[in-house]
N, C-alpha and C. Protein backbone atom coordinates (compact mmCIF):
# COMPACT_ATOMS: atom_id res chain seq x y z
N MET A 1 35.44 13.39 45.38
CA MET A 1 34.46 12.39 44.99
C MET A 1 33.74 11.88 46.24
N THR A 2 32.50 11.47 46.02
CA THR A 2 31.73 10.92 47.13
C THR A 2 32.11 9.46 47.36
N LEU A 3 31.74 8.95 48.51
CA LEU A 3 31.99 7.55 48.82
C LEU A 3 31.30 6.66 47.80
N PHE A 4 30.07 6.99 47.43
CA PHE A 4 29.33 6.19 46.45
C PHE A 4 30.07 6.15 45.11
N GLU A 5 30.56 7.29 44.66
CA GLU A 5 31.28 7.35 43.37
C GLU A 5 32.55 6.51 43.40
N ILE A 6 33.29 6.60 44.50
CA ILE A 6 34.52 5.81 44.64
C ILE A 6 34.19 4.32 44.66
N ALA A 7 33.16 3.96 45.43
CA ALA A 7 32.76 2.55 45.51
C ALA A 7 32.29 2.04 44.15
N GLN A 8 31.58 2.88 43.39
CA GLN A 8 31.11 2.47 42.07
C GLN A 8 32.28 2.20 41.12
N ILE A 9 33.23 3.11 41.09
CA ILE A 9 34.40 2.92 40.23
C ILE A 9 35.17 1.68 40.65
N TYR A 10 35.40 1.54 41.94
CA TYR A 10 36.15 0.39 42.44
C TYR A 10 35.46 -0.93 42.09
N THR A 11 34.17 -1.03 42.36
CA THR A 11 33.46 -2.28 42.09
C THR A 11 33.41 -2.56 40.58
N ASP A 12 33.28 -1.53 39.77
CA ASP A 12 33.33 -1.73 38.31
C ASP A 12 34.68 -2.30 37.89
N LEU A 13 35.75 -1.81 38.49
CA LEU A 13 37.09 -2.32 38.16
C LEU A 13 37.27 -3.77 38.61
N VAL A 14 36.71 -4.11 39.77
CA VAL A 14 36.79 -5.50 40.25
C VAL A 14 36.08 -6.42 39.26
N LEU A 15 34.87 -6.03 38.86
CA LEU A 15 34.10 -6.85 37.92
C LEU A 15 34.78 -6.94 36.56
N LEU A 16 35.33 -5.82 36.11
CA LEU A 16 36.04 -5.81 34.83
C LEU A 16 37.27 -6.72 34.87
N ASP A 17 38.01 -6.66 35.96
CA ASP A 17 39.20 -7.49 36.11
C ASP A 17 38.86 -8.97 36.00
N ASP A 18 37.72 -9.35 36.55
CA ASP A 18 37.29 -10.75 36.49
C ASP A 18 36.92 -11.18 35.07
N GLN A 19 36.56 -10.22 34.23
CA GLN A 19 36.12 -10.54 32.86
C GLN A 19 37.26 -10.57 31.84
N ILE A 20 38.38 -10.01 32.19
CA ILE A 20 39.50 -9.97 31.25
C ILE A 20 40.19 -11.33 31.24
N PRO A 21 40.32 -11.93 30.06
CA PRO A 21 40.95 -13.25 30.01
C PRO A 21 42.45 -13.17 30.33
N ASP A 22 42.97 -14.25 30.85
CA ASP A 22 44.40 -14.32 31.17
C ASP A 22 45.27 -14.14 29.94
N SER A 23 44.68 -14.35 28.77
CA SER A 23 45.43 -14.19 27.53
C SER A 23 45.67 -12.72 27.18
N GLU A 24 45.14 -11.82 28.01
CA GLU A 24 45.34 -10.38 27.83
C GLU A 24 46.09 -9.80 29.04
N PRO A 25 47.35 -10.20 29.24
CA PRO A 25 48.07 -9.80 30.46
C PRO A 25 48.27 -8.29 30.61
N THR A 26 48.46 -7.58 29.53
CA THR A 26 48.67 -6.13 29.63
C THR A 26 47.40 -5.44 30.11
N SER A 27 46.28 -5.81 29.53
CA SER A 27 45.00 -5.22 29.94
C SER A 27 44.70 -5.59 31.39
N LYS A 28 44.94 -6.84 31.73
CA LYS A 28 44.68 -7.30 33.10
C LYS A 28 45.54 -6.53 34.10
N GLU A 29 46.79 -6.30 33.75
CA GLU A 29 47.69 -5.57 34.64
C GLU A 29 47.26 -4.10 34.79
N GLU A 30 46.84 -3.48 33.70
CA GLU A 30 46.40 -2.08 33.76
C GLU A 30 45.16 -1.93 34.64
N VAL A 31 44.20 -2.83 34.47
CA VAL A 31 42.98 -2.78 35.28
C VAL A 31 43.31 -3.09 36.74
N SER A 32 44.19 -4.04 36.96
CA SER A 32 44.59 -4.40 38.32
C SER A 32 45.26 -3.22 39.03
N THR A 33 46.08 -2.48 38.30
CA THR A 33 46.74 -1.29 38.87
C THR A 33 45.71 -0.24 39.25
N LEU A 34 44.75 0.00 38.37
CA LEU A 34 43.68 0.96 38.68
C LEU A 34 42.83 0.48 39.85
N ARG A 35 42.52 -0.82 39.86
CA ARG A 35 41.73 -1.39 40.96
C ARG A 35 42.44 -1.19 42.30
N SER A 36 43.73 -1.43 42.33
CA SER A 36 44.49 -1.23 43.57
C SER A 36 44.49 0.22 43.99
N LYS A 37 44.64 1.12 43.03
CA LYS A 37 44.62 2.56 43.33
C LYS A 37 43.27 2.95 43.94
N TYR A 38 42.18 2.52 43.32
CA TYR A 38 40.86 2.88 43.84
C TYR A 38 40.52 2.16 45.13
N HIS A 39 41.10 0.99 45.34
CA HIS A 39 40.90 0.31 46.61
C HIS A 39 41.51 1.14 47.75
N GLN A 40 42.67 1.68 47.50
CA GLN A 40 43.31 2.54 48.52
C GLN A 40 42.50 3.83 48.72
N ILE A 41 42.03 4.42 47.64
CA ILE A 41 41.19 5.62 47.75
C ILE A 41 39.93 5.30 48.56
N LEU A 42 39.33 4.14 48.30
CA LEU A 42 38.14 3.69 49.02
C LEU A 42 38.43 3.55 50.51
N MET A 43 39.52 2.87 50.85
CA MET A 43 39.85 2.68 52.26
C MET A 43 40.15 4.02 52.94
N ASP A 44 40.81 4.92 52.24
CA ASP A 44 41.07 6.25 52.79
C ASP A 44 39.76 7.00 53.05
N LYS A 45 38.82 6.87 52.12
CA LYS A 45 37.52 7.54 52.27
C LYS A 45 36.74 6.93 53.44
N PHE A 46 36.79 5.60 53.58
CA PHE A 46 36.15 4.96 54.74
C PHE A 46 36.71 5.54 56.03
N THR A 47 38.02 5.63 56.11
CA THR A 47 38.67 6.17 57.31
C THR A 47 38.25 7.62 57.55
N GLU A 48 38.26 8.41 56.49
CA GLU A 48 37.86 9.81 56.58
C GLU A 48 36.41 9.95 57.09
N GLU A 49 35.54 9.04 56.66
CA GLU A 49 34.12 9.11 57.04
C GLU A 49 33.83 8.37 58.34
N GLY A 50 34.86 7.77 58.94
CA GLY A 50 34.67 7.07 60.21
C GLY A 50 34.03 5.70 60.06
N ILE A 51 34.15 5.10 58.88
CA ILE A 51 33.59 3.77 58.64
C ILE A 51 34.70 2.75 58.85
N GLU A 52 34.49 1.87 59.80
CA GLU A 52 35.50 0.87 60.13
C GLU A 52 35.47 -0.30 59.15
N PHE A 53 36.63 -0.85 58.88
CA PHE A 53 36.76 -2.07 58.11
C PHE A 53 37.93 -2.84 58.70
N HIS A 54 37.81 -4.16 58.66
CA HIS A 54 38.81 -5.00 59.33
C HIS A 54 40.05 -5.25 58.47
N ASP A 55 39.83 -5.39 57.18
CA ASP A 55 40.93 -5.66 56.26
C ASP A 55 40.48 -5.28 54.86
N ARG A 56 41.33 -5.52 53.89
CA ARG A 56 41.00 -5.11 52.52
C ARG A 56 39.80 -5.87 51.97
N PHE A 57 39.58 -7.11 52.43
CA PHE A 57 38.44 -7.90 51.98
C PHE A 57 37.14 -7.32 52.54
N ASP A 58 37.18 -6.88 53.78
CA ASP A 58 36.01 -6.25 54.39
C ASP A 58 35.69 -4.94 53.68
N ALA A 59 36.72 -4.19 53.30
CA ALA A 59 36.50 -2.93 52.57
C ALA A 59 35.84 -3.22 51.22
N MET A 60 36.28 -4.27 50.54
CA MET A 60 35.68 -4.64 49.27
C MET A 60 34.22 -5.03 49.47
N LYS A 61 33.94 -5.82 50.48
CA LYS A 61 32.56 -6.24 50.77
C LYS A 61 31.68 -5.03 51.02
N LYS A 62 32.17 -4.08 51.79
CA LYS A 62 31.38 -2.88 52.08
C LYS A 62 31.15 -2.04 50.83
N ALA A 63 32.12 -2.00 49.93
CA ALA A 63 31.96 -1.26 48.68
C ALA A 63 30.81 -1.85 47.87
N PHE A 64 30.76 -3.18 47.77
CA PHE A 64 29.68 -3.82 47.03
C PHE A 64 28.33 -3.60 47.73
N GLU A 65 28.31 -3.58 49.06
CA GLU A 65 27.07 -3.31 49.78
C GLU A 65 26.57 -1.90 49.48
N ILE A 66 27.47 -0.96 49.44
CA ILE A 66 27.10 0.43 49.16
C ILE A 66 26.50 0.55 47.76
N ILE A 67 27.09 -0.13 46.79
CA ILE A 67 26.63 -0.06 45.41
C ILE A 67 25.28 -0.74 45.24
N ARG A 68 25.10 -1.86 45.88
CA ARG A 68 23.84 -2.60 45.74
C ARG A 68 22.67 -1.84 46.34
N SER A 69 22.90 -1.16 47.42
CA SER A 69 21.83 -0.43 48.10
C SER A 69 22.45 0.78 48.78
N PRO A 70 22.73 1.83 48.02
CA PRO A 70 23.52 2.95 48.56
C PRO A 70 22.97 3.56 49.85
N ASN A 71 21.71 3.79 49.94
CA ASN A 71 21.17 4.43 51.15
C ASN A 71 21.09 3.47 52.32
N HIS A 72 20.50 2.30 52.11
CA HIS A 72 20.30 1.38 53.21
C HIS A 72 21.60 0.78 53.74
N ALA A 73 22.48 0.37 52.85
CA ALA A 73 23.72 -0.27 53.30
C ALA A 73 24.61 0.71 54.03
N LEU A 74 24.73 1.90 53.51
CA LEU A 74 25.58 2.89 54.17
C LEU A 74 24.99 3.28 55.52
N GLN A 75 23.68 3.48 55.58
CA GLN A 75 23.04 3.82 56.85
C GLN A 75 23.24 2.70 57.87
N ALA A 76 23.07 1.46 57.43
CA ALA A 76 23.24 0.33 58.34
C ALA A 76 24.67 0.22 58.83
N THR A 77 25.62 0.44 57.93
CA THR A 77 27.03 0.39 58.31
C THR A 77 27.34 1.46 59.34
N LEU A 78 26.90 2.68 59.07
CA LEU A 78 27.16 3.77 60.00
C LEU A 78 26.44 3.57 61.32
N ALA A 79 25.19 3.10 61.26
CA ALA A 79 24.41 2.90 62.48
C ALA A 79 25.06 1.85 63.37
N THR A 80 25.56 0.80 62.78
CA THR A 80 26.21 -0.25 63.55
C THR A 80 27.46 0.29 64.25
N GLN A 81 28.20 1.13 63.56
CA GLN A 81 29.44 1.62 64.11
C GLN A 81 29.24 2.79 65.08
N ILE A 82 28.21 3.60 64.82
CA ILE A 82 28.04 4.81 65.62
C ILE A 82 27.03 4.62 66.74
N HIS A 83 25.94 3.90 66.46
CA HIS A 83 24.85 3.80 67.42
C HIS A 83 24.59 2.38 67.89
N GLY A 84 25.53 1.51 67.73
CA GLY A 84 25.37 0.14 68.20
C GLY A 84 24.27 -0.63 67.50
N GLY A 85 24.04 -0.32 66.21
CA GLY A 85 23.06 -1.07 65.43
C GLY A 85 21.72 -0.40 65.30
N ARG A 86 21.52 0.73 65.93
CA ARG A 86 20.23 1.45 65.83
C ARG A 86 20.39 2.61 64.86
N LEU A 87 19.45 2.74 63.94
CA LEU A 87 19.46 3.87 63.04
C LEU A 87 19.04 5.12 63.82
N ALA A 88 19.76 6.17 63.61
CA ALA A 88 19.46 7.42 64.34
C ALA A 88 18.30 8.15 63.69
């Protein structure tokens, strides 16, 4: 899967988890388990692609940035890490 696809699934799970009422503990737990799994897949993909993140919260923030603007956010992230903030 591509980084964009992983980020899309992960962010969808985060948003879904927020929408499930506490009165549905089984559903909430199932979505939470999937969210955790995709969060790890996301962080592994970041590492594989050479994208730095400071912690799990930073990884989540970057996933949402990628989804909101896939080309610009990813280019900016990579440019900052690879070229000191300049797009190549």
